[in-house]
Amino acid sequence: MTTHNMLIAPDFSPERFAGWHMFNTLIQKRANLNMHLNTPASHAEQQQIITAGDIQVIYANPFDAATLIREQGYKAVARPIGKSDEMVIAAGANSDINVLEDIKAGATIAMANNRDVKLIGLRLLEAVDIEESDLSWDVTETYQAAARKVIKGDAQAAFFLAEVFHGLSRLTKAQLSVLIESDLADISHVLLIKDDFPDTDIFMNAILNLHNDPDGQEALAELGMPQGFEAVDEEDAEFMIDLMETLLD
């Protein structure tokens, strides 16, 4: 039996790792497919795998999805229900940055390499007249590393994917202060399938019906997607890409 490759974007909380393996096991069983799960640790590793390998299925963040759809022959087929990609800007709890206005030109922002989080964060900072060129950027391997930079005082603030921030340990969050959290609702990760993937229909049937039984519900709960997935059509995908491009402009 042919083995297909599925890649999961690296910007999920560590506690979701087991959930992705449960998800992959169930999809293989229900679609009768061999799926090899790729879980890169960083955006750079993700790019290497996509460039070097034959990846049929990608759970992608919205920024990467735009490029993969427009330039690399993928189509968006599904997204998690009720799970938009929001972001948090946080400072150290003991620092003198208590509100967004306290971030001044010359500040260092720590963040993992996630461009949609950066775009949304910069849009939020426009309200206090701060632009990308006003800031220094410390790009870390993980969001946890970005949190440590802020706590140690090596960065004045950090950008986080909201889900990852809320999944940080209680001790870590106690040392951080949330300055703002976005509320966009229309931007989310999406499941992409390569145009020439031969088993799209049976794969999609397995994905869209995961929430209909206890095993599927358990896997989805582990992923923080209790409502499961909904189908995405080309118009939905184009709307989100347009929104991402608006953020870029």
Protein backbone atom coordinates (compact mmCIF):
# COMPACT_ATOMS: atom_id res chain seq x y z
CA MET A 1 0.00 0.00 0.00
CA THR A 2 1.27 3.47 -0.88
CA THR A 3 2.35 5.61 2.06
CA HIS A 4 1.17 9.23 1.97
CA ASN A 5 2.83 12.03 3.92
CA MET A 6 0.93 14.42 6.19
CA LEU A 7 2.61 17.43 7.77
CA ILE A 8 1.36 19.39 10.77
CA ALA A 9 2.48 23.03 11.10
CA PRO A 10 4.84 23.40 14.08
CA ASP A 11 2.85 26.13 15.84
CA PHE A 12 0.74 23.94 18.12
CA SER A 13 1.04 23.58 21.89
CA PRO A 14 3.22 20.66 23.03
CA GLU A 15 0.27 19.09 24.83
CA ARG A 16 -1.43 18.64 21.43
CA PHE A 17 1.31 16.29 20.21
CA ALA A 18 -0.42 13.11 21.38
CA GLY A 19 -3.67 14.32 19.84
CA TRP A 20 -2.11 14.56 16.38
CA HIS A 21 -0.89 10.98 16.64
CA MET A 22 -4.36 9.84 17.72
CA PHE A 23 -5.81 11.81 14.80
CA ASN A 24 -3.41 10.21 12.32
CA THR A 25 -4.09 6.69 13.62
CA LEU A 26 -7.85 7.14 13.30
CA ILE A 27 -7.66 8.64 9.81
CA GLN A 28 -5.48 5.75 8.62
CA LYS A 29 -7.90 3.20 10.03
CA ARG A 30 -11.07 4.82 8.72
CA ALA A 31 -9.81 5.80 5.29
CA ASN A 32 -7.74 2.60 4.92
CA LEU A 33 -4.69 4.70 4.04
CA ASN A 34 -1.06 4.61 5.15
CA MET A 35 -0.29 8.12 6.42
CA HIS A 36 3.16 9.07 7.69
CA LEU A 37 2.89 11.96 10.17
CA ASN A 38 5.52 14.73 9.95
CA THR A 39 5.70 17.10 12.93
CA PRO A 40 8.50 19.61 12.24
CA ALA A 41 9.84 21.46 15.27
CA SER A 42 10.24 24.80 13.50
CA HIS A 43 9.10 26.76 10.46
CA ALA A 44 12.53 26.23 8.87
CA GLU A 45 12.22 22.46 9.28
CA GLN A 46 8.70 22.61 7.84
CA GLN A 47 10.02 24.35 4.74
CA GLN A 48 12.79 21.78 4.34
CA ILE A 49 10.32 18.87 4.52
CA ILE A 50 7.88 20.44 2.05
CA THR A 51 10.67 21.32 -0.37
CA ALA A 52 12.40 17.94 -0.14
CA GLY A 53 9.49 15.57 0.31
CA ASP A 54 6.31 14.44 -1.34
CA ILE A 55 3.76 15.87 1.10
CA GLN A 56 0.16 15.16 0.19
CA VAL A 57 -1.62 16.66 3.22
CA ILE A 58 -0.67 19.76 5.25
CA TYR A 59 -2.35 21.29 8.28
CA ALA A 60 -1.08 24.81 7.59
CA ASN A 61 -1.24 28.18 9.23
CA PRO A 62 -3.10 30.76 7.13
CA PHE A 63 -0.02 32.65 5.95
CA ASP A 64 1.69 29.49 4.66
CA ALA A 65 -1.62 28.26 3.25
CA ALA A 66 -1.80 31.28 0.94
CA THR A 67 1.58 30.43 -0.61
CA LEU A 68 0.91 26.70 -0.77
CA ILE A 69 -2.42 27.25 -2.55
CA ARG A 70 -1.25 29.97 -4.93
CA GLU A 71 2.17 28.59 -5.80
CA GLN A 72 2.58 24.92 -4.87
CA GLY A 73 -0.52 23.09 -6.07
CA TYR A 74 -2.48 22.60 -2.86
CA LYS A 75 -6.16 23.23 -2.24
CA ALA A 76 -7.88 23.98 1.08
CA VAL A 77 -10.43 21.31 1.96
CA ALA A 78 -11.26 21.70 5.66
CA ARG A 79 -10.77 23.82 8.76
CA PRO A 80 -11.50 23.31 12.46
CA ILE A 81 -14.93 24.59 13.51
CA GLY A 82 -14.90 27.51 15.94
CA LYS A 83 -11.12 27.66 16.21
CA SER A 84 -9.76 30.87 14.74
CA ASP A 85 -6.09 31.88 14.92
CA GLU A 86 -5.87 34.67 17.48
CA MET A 87 -2.68 36.10 18.96
CA VAL A 88 -1.54 37.58 22.26
CA ILE A 89 0.97 40.33 22.97
CA ALA A 90 2.43 39.89 26.47
CA ALA A 91 5.08 41.59 28.58
CA GLY A 92 6.81 40.58 31.79
CA ALA A 93 4.54 40.78 34.83
CA ASN A 94 7.25 42.65 36.75
CA SER A 95 8.29 44.95 33.92
CA ASP A 96 7.26 48.57 33.49
CA ILE A 97 5.24 47.68 30.37
CA ASN A 98 1.65 47.48 31.60
CA VAL A 99 -0.35 48.56 28.53
CA LEU A 100 0.24 48.48 24.78
CA GLU A 101 1.16 52.18 24.78
CA ASP A 102 4.20 51.37 26.95
CA ILE A 103 5.86 49.58 23.99
CA LYS A 104 8.13 52.22 22.48
CA ALA A 105 10.32 52.42 19.39
CA GLY A 106 13.52 50.45 19.94
CA ALA A 107 11.80 47.70 21.97
CA THR A 108 12.71 44.06 21.35
CA ILE A 109 9.88 41.65 20.53
CA ALA A 110 10.45 37.92 20.96
CA MET A 111 8.41 35.44 18.91
CA ALA A 112 8.54 32.09 17.18
CA ASN A 113 8.80 32.16 13.39
CA ASN A 114 5.09 32.53 12.62
CA ARG A 115 4.35 35.22 10.08
CA ASP A 116 0.59 35.42 10.51
CA VAL A 117 1.04 36.02 14.24
CA LYS A 118 3.53 38.77 13.40
CA LEU A 119 1.17 40.38 10.87
CA ILE A 120 -1.74 40.43 13.32
CA GLY A 121 0.50 41.74 16.12
CA LEU A 122 1.77 44.57 13.94
CA ARG A 123 -1.80 45.50 13.04
CA LEU A 124 -2.61 45.73 16.76
CA LEU A 125 0.47 47.89 17.38
CA GLU A 126 -0.60 50.34 14.68
CA ALA A 127 -3.07 51.65 17.27
CA VAL A 128 -0.12 52.95 19.30
CA ASP A 129 1.84 54.18 16.25
CA ILE A 130 4.45 51.41 16.30
CA GLU A 131 5.61 49.89 13.00
CA GLU A 132 7.75 46.86 12.20
CA SER A 133 10.83 49.00 11.52
CA ASP A 134 10.51 50.61 14.98
CA LEU A 135 11.20 47.29 16.70
CA SER A 136 13.99 44.77 17.08
CA TRP A 137 12.97 41.15 16.53
CA ASP A 138 14.27 38.13 18.43
CA VAL A 139 13.02 35.05 16.55
CA THR A 140 13.08 31.98 18.78
CA GLU A 141 12.67 28.27 18.02
CA THR A 142 9.48 28.03 20.12
CA TYR A 143 6.93 30.25 21.84
CA GLN A 144 8.13 28.85 25.17
CA ALA A 145 11.58 30.24 24.39
CA ALA A 146 10.00 33.62 23.55
CA ALA A 147 8.26 33.59 26.94
CA ARG A 148 11.59 32.95 28.68
CA LYS A 149 13.16 35.91 26.85
CA VAL A 150 10.46 38.24 28.21
CA ILE A 151 10.59 36.82 31.73
CA LYS A 152 14.39 37.26 31.83
CA GLY A 153 14.09 40.81 30.49
CA ASP A 154 15.92 40.07 27.23
CA ALA A 155 12.82 41.26 25.32
CA GLN A 156 10.25 43.89 26.26
CA ALA A 157 7.30 41.89 24.89
CA ALA A 158 6.48 38.73 22.97
CA PHE A 159 3.96 37.73 20.31
CA PHE A 160 2.18 34.40 20.86
CA LEU A 161 -0.39 32.29 19.06
CA ALA A 162 -3.23 32.65 21.56
CA GLU A 163 -3.79 28.92 21.96
CA VAL A 164 -0.11 28.38 22.71
CA PHE A 165 -0.08 31.24 25.21
CA HIS A 166 -3.09 29.88 27.06
CA GLY A 167 -1.43 26.45 27.08
CA LEU A 168 1.73 27.70 28.82
CA SER A 169 2.33 26.45 32.35
CA ARG A 170 0.67 28.31 35.21
CA LEU A 171 4.12 29.33 36.51
CA THR A 172 5.10 30.82 33.14
CA LYS A 173 1.82 32.71 32.71
CA ALA A 174 2.11 34.10 36.24
CA GLN A 175 5.31 35.84 35.12
CA LEU A 176 3.66 37.38 32.06
CA SER A 177 1.09 40.13 31.60
CA VAL A 178 -1.32 40.13 28.64
CA LEU A 179 -1.38 43.51 26.91
CA ILE A 180 -3.90 42.59 24.20
CA GLU A 181 -5.48 39.56 22.52
CA SER A 182 -6.81 39.73 18.97
CA ASP A 183 -10.40 38.92 18.02
CA LEU A 184 -10.44 38.38 14.24
CA ALA A 185 -12.49 35.16 13.93
CA ASP A 186 -12.04 34.80 10.13
CA ILE A 187 -8.45 33.50 10.07
CA SER A 188 -7.69 29.89 10.93
CA HIS A 189 -5.37 27.00 10.16
CA VAL A 190 -6.60 24.95 7.21
CA LEU A 191 -6.18 21.41 5.99
CA LEU A 192 -4.61 21.37 2.53
CA ILE A 193 -4.48 18.50 0.04
CA LYS A 194 -2.17 18.28 -2.97
CA ASP A 195 -4.15 18.61 -6.21
CA ASP A 196 -3.06 15.17 -7.43
CA PHE A 197 -3.80 13.31 -4.17
CA PRO A 198 -5.77 10.26 -5.38
CA ASP A 199 -7.70 9.50 -2.17
CA THR A 200 -9.20 12.92 -1.43
CA ASP A 201 -12.80 11.73 -1.13
CA ILE A 202 -12.21 8.92 1.36
CA PHE A 203 -9.75 11.07 3.33
CA MET A 204 -12.27 13.91 3.53
CA ASN A 205 -15.06 11.55 4.58
CA ALA A 206 -12.91 10.34 7.48
CA ILE A 207 -11.97 13.92 8.50
CA LEU A 208 -15.49 15.35 8.40
CA ASN A 209 -17.00 12.45 10.35
CA LEU A 210 -14.43 12.25 13.16
CA HIS A 211 -16.76 14.00 15.61
CA ASN A 212 -19.50 11.38 15.20
CA ASP A 213 -18.12 8.72 17.56
CA PRO A 214 -16.31 8.55 20.95
CA ASP A 215 -12.83 7.72 19.58
CA GLY A 216 -12.96 10.60 17.14
CA GLN A 217 -14.34 12.94 19.78
CA GLU A 218 -11.47 12.01 22.12
CA ALA A 219 -8.86 12.79 19.44
CA LEU A 220 -10.52 16.10 18.57
CA ALA A 221 -10.71 17.06 22.25
CA GLU A 222 -6.97 16.37 22.55
CA LEU A 223 -6.45 18.77 19.65
CA GLY A 224 -8.65 21.47 21.17
CA MET A 225 -11.11 21.05 18.28
CA PRO A 226 -14.15 19.53 20.00
CA GLN A 227 -16.52 20.46 17.18
CA GLY A 228 -14.37 18.78 14.56
CA PHE A 229 -13.75 19.94 11.00
CA GLU A 230 -15.93 21.59 8.37
CA ALA A 231 -15.43 21.54 4.63
CA VAL A 232 -13.85 24.56 2.96
CA ASP A 233 -14.50 25.49 -0.66
CA GLU A 234 -12.38 27.58 -3.00
CA GLU A 235 -14.36 30.74 -2.24
CA ASP A 236 -13.78 30.35 1.53
CA ALA A 237 -10.06 29.85 0.95
CA GLU A 238 -9.79 32.87 -1.34
CA PHE A 239 -11.60 35.03 1.21
CA MET A 240 -9.07 34.11 3.89
CA ILE A 241 -6.13 34.63 1.56
CA ASP A 242 -7.50 38.07 0.66
CA LEU A 243 -7.76 38.84 4.36
CA MET A 244 -4.13 37.79 4.91
CA GLU A 245 -3.06 40.01 1.99
CA THR A 246 -4.99 42.92 3.52
CA LEU A 247 -2.97 42.43 6.69
CA LEU A 248 0.21 42.52 4.60
CA ASP A 249 -0.68 45.77 2.83
